[in-house]
């Protein structure tokens, strides 16, 4: 379903590893045939996705959209991980402040 709503400029994934398979099923299926499991589909030898682009099975624009979405998901993953690190840092900051206050009382 597509909703045209003034003011909305982008659609983004909220959860990492969800939705890319539904949005790009043909690329995900082809990626299973790549020579390397960590293939980025840019220049690796034996890349089945690049072979499909050369053969005309999928368009280069479609592959670029896939790459862009993967980059956005990596950014989201990094941001979520960073948030967890920030929570831990704040927790230890509170502990450090309590220790400092205890030392001042002596």
N, C-alpha and C. Protein backbone atom coordinates (compact mmCIF):
# COMPACT_ATOMS: atom_id res chain seq x y z
N UNK A 1 0.85 -1.17 0.00
CA UNK A 1 0.00 0.00 0.00
C UNK A 1 0.90 1.24 0.00
N UNK A 2 0.57 2.19 -0.80
CA UNK A 2 1.31 3.44 -0.86
C UNK A 2 0.37 4.56 -0.45
N UNK A 3 0.82 5.40 0.45
CA UNK A 3 0.03 6.53 0.91
C UNK A 3 0.78 7.80 0.54
N UNK A 4 0.11 8.69 -0.15
CA UNK A 4 0.71 9.97 -0.51
C UNK A 4 0.26 10.99 0.52
N UNK A 5 1.20 11.44 1.32
CA UNK A 5 0.88 12.37 2.39
C UNK A 5 1.86 13.54 2.33
N UNK A 6 1.38 14.76 2.17
CA UNK A 6 2.29 15.90 2.11
C UNK A 6 3.15 15.99 3.37
N UNK A 7 4.41 16.25 3.17
CA UNK A 7 5.32 16.40 4.30
C UNK A 7 6.15 15.17 4.60
N UNK A 8 5.73 14.02 4.13
CA UNK A 8 6.53 12.82 4.33
C UNK A 8 7.55 12.76 3.21
N UNK A 9 8.83 12.73 3.59
CA UNK A 9 9.88 12.76 2.59
C UNK A 9 10.60 11.44 2.40
N UNK A 10 10.45 10.52 3.35
CA UNK A 10 11.15 9.25 3.21
C UNK A 10 10.45 8.16 3.98
N UNK A 11 10.77 6.97 3.60
CA UNK A 11 10.31 5.79 4.31
C UNK A 11 11.56 5.06 4.75
N UNK A 12 11.61 4.63 5.99
CA UNK A 12 12.80 3.96 6.50
C UNK A 12 12.40 2.71 7.27
N UNK A 13 13.34 1.79 7.39
CA UNK A 13 13.12 0.60 8.19
C UNK A 13 13.30 0.95 9.65
N UNK A 14 12.47 0.35 10.51
CA UNK A 14 12.59 0.58 11.94
C UNK A 14 13.35 -0.53 12.63
N UNK A 15 13.40 -1.69 12.00
CA UNK A 15 14.09 -2.81 12.60
C UNK A 15 15.13 -3.33 11.61
N UNK A 16 16.29 -3.66 12.12
CA UNK A 16 17.35 -4.19 11.29
C UNK A 16 16.98 -5.61 10.87
N UNK A 17 17.34 -5.99 9.66
CA UNK A 17 17.11 -7.33 9.12
C UNK A 17 15.64 -7.67 8.94
N UNK A 18 14.81 -6.67 8.80
CA UNK A 18 13.40 -6.95 8.53
C UNK A 18 13.00 -6.13 7.31
N UNK A 19 12.41 -6.76 6.34
CA UNK A 19 11.85 -6.05 5.21
C UNK A 19 12.68 -6.07 3.95
N UNK A 20 14.00 -6.20 4.06
CA UNK A 20 14.82 -6.17 2.84
C UNK A 20 14.52 -7.39 1.97
N UNK A 21 14.23 -8.53 2.61
CA UNK A 21 13.90 -9.74 1.85
C UNK A 21 12.60 -9.56 1.08
N UNK A 22 11.65 -8.85 1.68
CA UNK A 22 10.37 -8.62 1.03
C UNK A 22 10.49 -7.57 -0.08
N UNK A 23 11.35 -6.59 0.12
CA UNK A 23 11.49 -5.51 -0.86
C UNK A 23 12.34 -5.93 -2.06
N UNK A 24 13.33 -6.79 -1.83
CA UNK A 24 14.25 -7.20 -2.90
C UNK A 24 14.42 -8.72 -2.91
N UNK A 25 13.34 -9.47 -3.10
CA UNK A 25 13.45 -10.94 -3.01
C UNK A 25 14.36 -11.54 -4.08
N UNK A 26 14.35 -10.98 -5.28
CA UNK A 26 15.15 -11.54 -6.36
C UNK A 26 16.65 -11.35 -6.10
N UNK A 27 17.03 -10.23 -5.52
CA UNK A 27 18.44 -9.98 -5.22
C UNK A 27 18.89 -10.86 -4.06
N UNK A 28 18.06 -10.99 -3.04
CA UNK A 28 18.40 -11.85 -1.91
C UNK A 28 18.57 -13.30 -2.37
N UNK A 29 17.73 -13.75 -3.28
CA UNK A 29 17.83 -15.12 -3.79
C UNK A 29 19.11 -15.29 -4.61
N UNK A 30 19.42 -14.33 -5.45
CA UNK A 30 20.64 -14.40 -6.25
C UNK A 30 21.89 -14.34 -5.37
N UNK A 31 21.82 -13.57 -4.30
CA UNK A 31 22.98 -13.41 -3.41
C UNK A 31 23.40 -14.73 -2.78
N UNK A 32 22.48 -15.65 -2.65
CA UNK A 32 22.83 -16.98 -2.11
C UNK A 32 23.79 -17.73 -3.02
N UNK A 33 23.81 -17.37 -4.30
CA UNK A 33 24.69 -18.02 -5.27
C UNK A 33 26.04 -17.35 -5.45
N UNK A 34 26.30 -16.30 -4.68
CA UNK A 34 27.59 -15.61 -4.79
C UNK A 34 28.72 -16.49 -4.27
N UNK A 35 29.89 -16.28 -4.81
CA UNK A 35 31.08 -17.05 -4.42
C UNK A 35 31.45 -16.81 -2.96
N UNK A 36 31.33 -15.56 -2.50
CA UNK A 36 31.69 -15.20 -1.13
C UNK A 36 30.42 -14.90 -0.33
N UNK A 37 30.39 -15.36 0.92
CA UNK A 37 29.20 -15.15 1.75
C UNK A 37 29.03 -13.68 2.17
N UNK A 38 30.14 -12.93 2.22
CA UNK A 38 30.06 -11.52 2.59
C UNK A 38 30.15 -10.61 1.37
N UNK A 39 29.67 -11.07 0.25
CA UNK A 39 29.74 -10.33 -1.01
C UNK A 39 28.95 -9.02 -0.90
N UNK A 40 29.58 -7.93 -1.35
CA UNK A 40 28.91 -6.63 -1.31
C UNK A 40 28.22 -6.30 -2.64
N UNK A 41 28.39 -7.18 -3.61
CA UNK A 41 27.78 -7.03 -4.94
C UNK A 41 28.25 -5.75 -5.63
N UNK A 42 29.54 -5.45 -5.46
CA UNK A 42 30.10 -4.27 -6.12
C UNK A 42 31.16 -4.65 -7.15
N UNK A 43 32.12 -5.53 -6.76
CA UNK A 43 33.19 -5.87 -7.69
C UNK A 43 33.80 -7.25 -7.45
N UNK A 44 33.23 -8.02 -6.54
CA UNK A 44 33.80 -9.31 -6.20
C UNK A 44 33.68 -10.30 -7.36
N UNK A 45 34.71 -11.13 -7.55
CA UNK A 45 34.61 -12.16 -8.58
C UNK A 45 33.62 -13.23 -8.12
N UNK A 46 32.86 -13.76 -9.07
CA UNK A 46 31.89 -14.80 -8.74
C UNK A 46 30.61 -14.28 -8.13
N UNK A 47 30.35 -12.98 -8.27
CA UNK A 47 29.13 -12.40 -7.73
C UNK A 47 27.96 -12.72 -8.67
N UNK A 48 27.02 -13.45 -8.17
CA UNK A 48 25.86 -13.85 -8.98
C UNK A 48 24.94 -12.66 -9.25
N UNK A 49 24.89 -11.70 -8.33
CA UNK A 49 24.03 -10.53 -8.51
C UNK A 49 24.56 -9.66 -9.65
N UNK A 50 25.88 -9.41 -9.67
CA UNK A 50 26.45 -8.63 -10.77
C UNK A 50 26.29 -9.36 -12.11
N UNK A 51 26.38 -10.68 -12.07
CA UNK A 51 26.14 -11.47 -13.28
C UNK A 51 24.73 -11.29 -13.79
N UNK A 52 23.78 -11.24 -12.87
CA UNK A 52 22.38 -11.04 -13.25
C UNK A 52 22.16 -9.65 -13.84
N UNK A 53 22.88 -8.65 -13.33
CA UNK A 53 22.79 -7.30 -13.89
C UNK A 53 23.34 -7.30 -15.31
N UNK A 54 24.49 -7.94 -15.51
CA UNK A 54 25.10 -8.01 -16.84
C UNK A 54 24.22 -8.75 -17.83
N UNK A 55 23.51 -9.76 -17.35
CA UNK A 55 22.63 -10.56 -18.21
C UNK A 55 21.27 -9.90 -18.42
N UNK A 56 20.98 -8.82 -17.70
CA UNK A 56 19.72 -8.13 -17.84
C UNK A 56 18.58 -8.71 -17.02
N UNK A 57 18.88 -9.62 -16.09
CA UNK A 57 17.84 -10.20 -15.24
C UNK A 57 17.28 -9.15 -14.28
N UNK A 58 18.15 -8.30 -13.75
CA UNK A 58 17.72 -7.20 -12.90
C UNK A 58 18.40 -5.93 -13.38
N UNK A 59 17.77 -4.80 -13.12
CA UNK A 59 18.33 -3.54 -13.60
C UNK A 59 19.39 -3.02 -12.64
N UNK A 60 20.30 -2.24 -13.16
CA UNK A 60 21.35 -1.63 -12.34
C UNK A 60 20.74 -0.68 -11.31
N UNK A 61 19.66 0.03 -11.68
CA UNK A 61 18.98 0.92 -10.74
C UNK A 61 18.41 0.13 -9.55
N UNK A 62 17.87 -1.03 -9.84
CA UNK A 62 17.32 -1.88 -8.76
C UNK A 62 18.43 -2.30 -7.80
N UNK A 63 19.59 -2.66 -8.34
CA UNK A 63 20.72 -3.03 -7.50
C UNK A 63 21.20 -1.84 -6.68
N UNK A 64 21.22 -0.66 -7.27
CA UNK A 64 21.62 0.54 -6.52
C UNK A 64 20.65 0.83 -5.38
N UNK A 65 19.36 0.66 -5.63
CA UNK A 65 18.37 0.84 -4.56
C UNK A 65 18.58 -0.18 -3.43
N UNK A 66 18.92 -1.40 -3.81
CA UNK A 66 19.21 -2.45 -2.83
C UNK A 66 20.42 -2.06 -1.98
N UNK A 67 21.48 -1.62 -2.64
CA UNK A 67 22.69 -1.21 -1.91
C UNK A 67 22.40 -0.05 -0.95
N UNK A 68 21.62 0.90 -1.43
CA UNK A 68 21.27 2.05 -0.59
C UNK A 68 20.50 1.59 0.64
N UNK A 69 19.55 0.68 0.46
CA UNK A 69 18.76 0.19 1.58
C UNK A 69 19.64 -0.58 2.55
N UNK A 70 20.60 -1.37 2.04
CA UNK A 70 21.52 -2.09 2.91
C UNK A 70 22.36 -1.11 3.74
N UNK A 71 22.82 -0.02 3.11
CA UNK A 71 23.59 0.99 3.85
C UNK A 71 22.75 1.62 4.95
N UNK A 72 21.48 1.89 4.66
CA UNK A 72 20.59 2.46 5.67
C UNK A 72 20.39 1.49 6.83
N UNK A 73 20.28 0.20 6.52
CA UNK A 73 20.12 -0.80 7.57
C UNK A 73 21.39 -0.92 8.42
N UNK A 74 22.55 -0.82 7.78
CA UNK A 74 23.81 -0.85 8.54
C UNK A 74 23.91 0.37 9.45
N UNK A 75 23.50 1.53 8.95
CA UNK A 75 23.50 2.74 9.77
C UNK A 75 22.56 2.58 10.96
N UNK A 76 21.37 2.04 10.71
CA UNK A 76 20.41 1.82 11.77
C UNK A 76 20.96 0.86 12.82
N UNK A 77 21.59 -0.20 12.36
CA UNK A 77 22.18 -1.18 13.28
C UNK A 77 23.26 -0.51 14.13
N UNK A 78 24.11 0.28 13.49
CA UNK A 78 25.18 0.98 14.21
C UNK A 78 24.59 1.95 15.23
N UNK A 79 23.56 2.65 14.83
CA UNK A 79 22.92 3.62 15.72
C UNK A 79 22.29 2.94 16.93
N UNK A 80 21.64 1.80 16.71
CA UNK A 80 21.03 1.08 17.82
C UNK A 80 22.10 0.55 18.76
N UNK A 81 23.19 0.05 18.21
CA UNK A 81 24.29 -0.45 19.03
C UNK A 81 24.91 0.69 19.82
N UNK A 82 25.06 1.82 19.17
CA UNK A 82 25.62 2.99 19.84
C UNK A 82 24.71 3.40 20.99
N UNK A 83 23.42 3.30 20.82
CA UNK A 83 22.49 3.65 21.89
C UNK A 83 22.67 2.73 23.09
N UNK A 84 22.89 1.46 22.84
CA UNK A 84 23.12 0.51 23.93
C UNK A 84 24.41 0.87 24.66
N UNK A 85 25.44 1.24 23.91
CA UNK A 85 26.70 1.67 24.52
C UNK A 85 26.49 2.92 25.36
N UNK A 86 25.68 3.83 24.84
CA UNK A 86 25.41 5.08 25.56
C UNK A 86 24.69 4.80 26.87
N UNK A 87 23.74 3.88 26.86
CA UNK A 87 23.01 3.52 28.08
C UNK A 87 23.98 2.97 29.12
N UNK A 88 24.87 2.10 28.70
CA UNK A 88 25.85 1.52 29.62
C UNK A 88 26.78 2.59 30.17
N UNK A 89 27.19 3.51 29.31
CA UNK A 89 28.07 4.60 29.75
C UNK A 89 27.36 5.47 30.79
N UNK A 90 26.11 5.77 30.55
CA UNK A 90 25.35 6.59 31.51
C UNK A 90 25.18 5.86 32.83
N UNK A 91 24.99 4.56 32.77
CA UNK A 91 24.86 3.78 34.01
C UNK A 91 26.15 3.87 34.83
N UNK A 92 27.28 3.72 34.18
CA UNK A 92 28.55 3.79 34.89
C UNK A 92 28.88 5.21 35.33
N UNK A 93 28.38 6.18 34.61
CA UNK A 93 28.58 7.57 35.03
C UNK A 93 27.90 7.80 36.37
N UNK A 94 26.70 7.25 36.51
CA UNK A 94 25.97 7.37 37.77
C UNK A 94 26.73 6.71 38.92
N UNK A 95 27.31 5.56 38.65
CA UNK A 95 28.10 4.86 39.67
C UNK A 95 29.32 5.70 40.04
N UNK A 96 29.99 6.25 39.06
CA UNK A 96 31.19 7.07 39.31
C UNK A 96 30.83 8.30 40.14
N UNK A 97 29.69 8.92 39.86
CA UNK A 97 29.27 10.09 40.63
C UNK A 97 28.98 9.72 42.08
N UNK A 98 28.39 8.56 42.32
CA UNK A 98 28.13 8.10 43.69
C UNK A 98 29.43 7.85 44.43
N UNK A 99 30.40 7.23 43.75
CA UNK A 99 31.70 6.97 44.38
C UNK A 99 32.37 8.28 44.73
N UNK A 100 32.32 9.25 43.82
CA UNK A 100 32.93 10.56 44.06
C UNK A 100 32.26 11.24 45.26
N UNK A 101 30.94 11.16 45.35
CA UNK A 101 30.21 11.77 46.47
C UNK A 101 30.58 11.09 47.78
N UNK A 102 30.76 9.79 47.77
CA UNK A 102 31.16 9.08 48.98
C UNK A 102 32.55 9.51 49.45
N UNK A 103 33.44 9.70 48.50
CA UNK A 103 34.81 10.14 48.84
C UNK A 103 34.82 11.55 49.43
N UNK A 104 33.93 12.42 48.95
CA UNK A 104 33.85 13.78 49.45
C UNK A 104 33.38 13.82 50.91
N UNK A 105 32.50 12.89 51.26
CA UNK A 105 31.95 12.85 52.61
C UNK A 105 33.00 12.48 53.65
N UNK A 106 34.06 11.83 53.27
CA UNK A 106 35.10 11.40 54.22
C UNK A 106 35.93 12.54 54.66
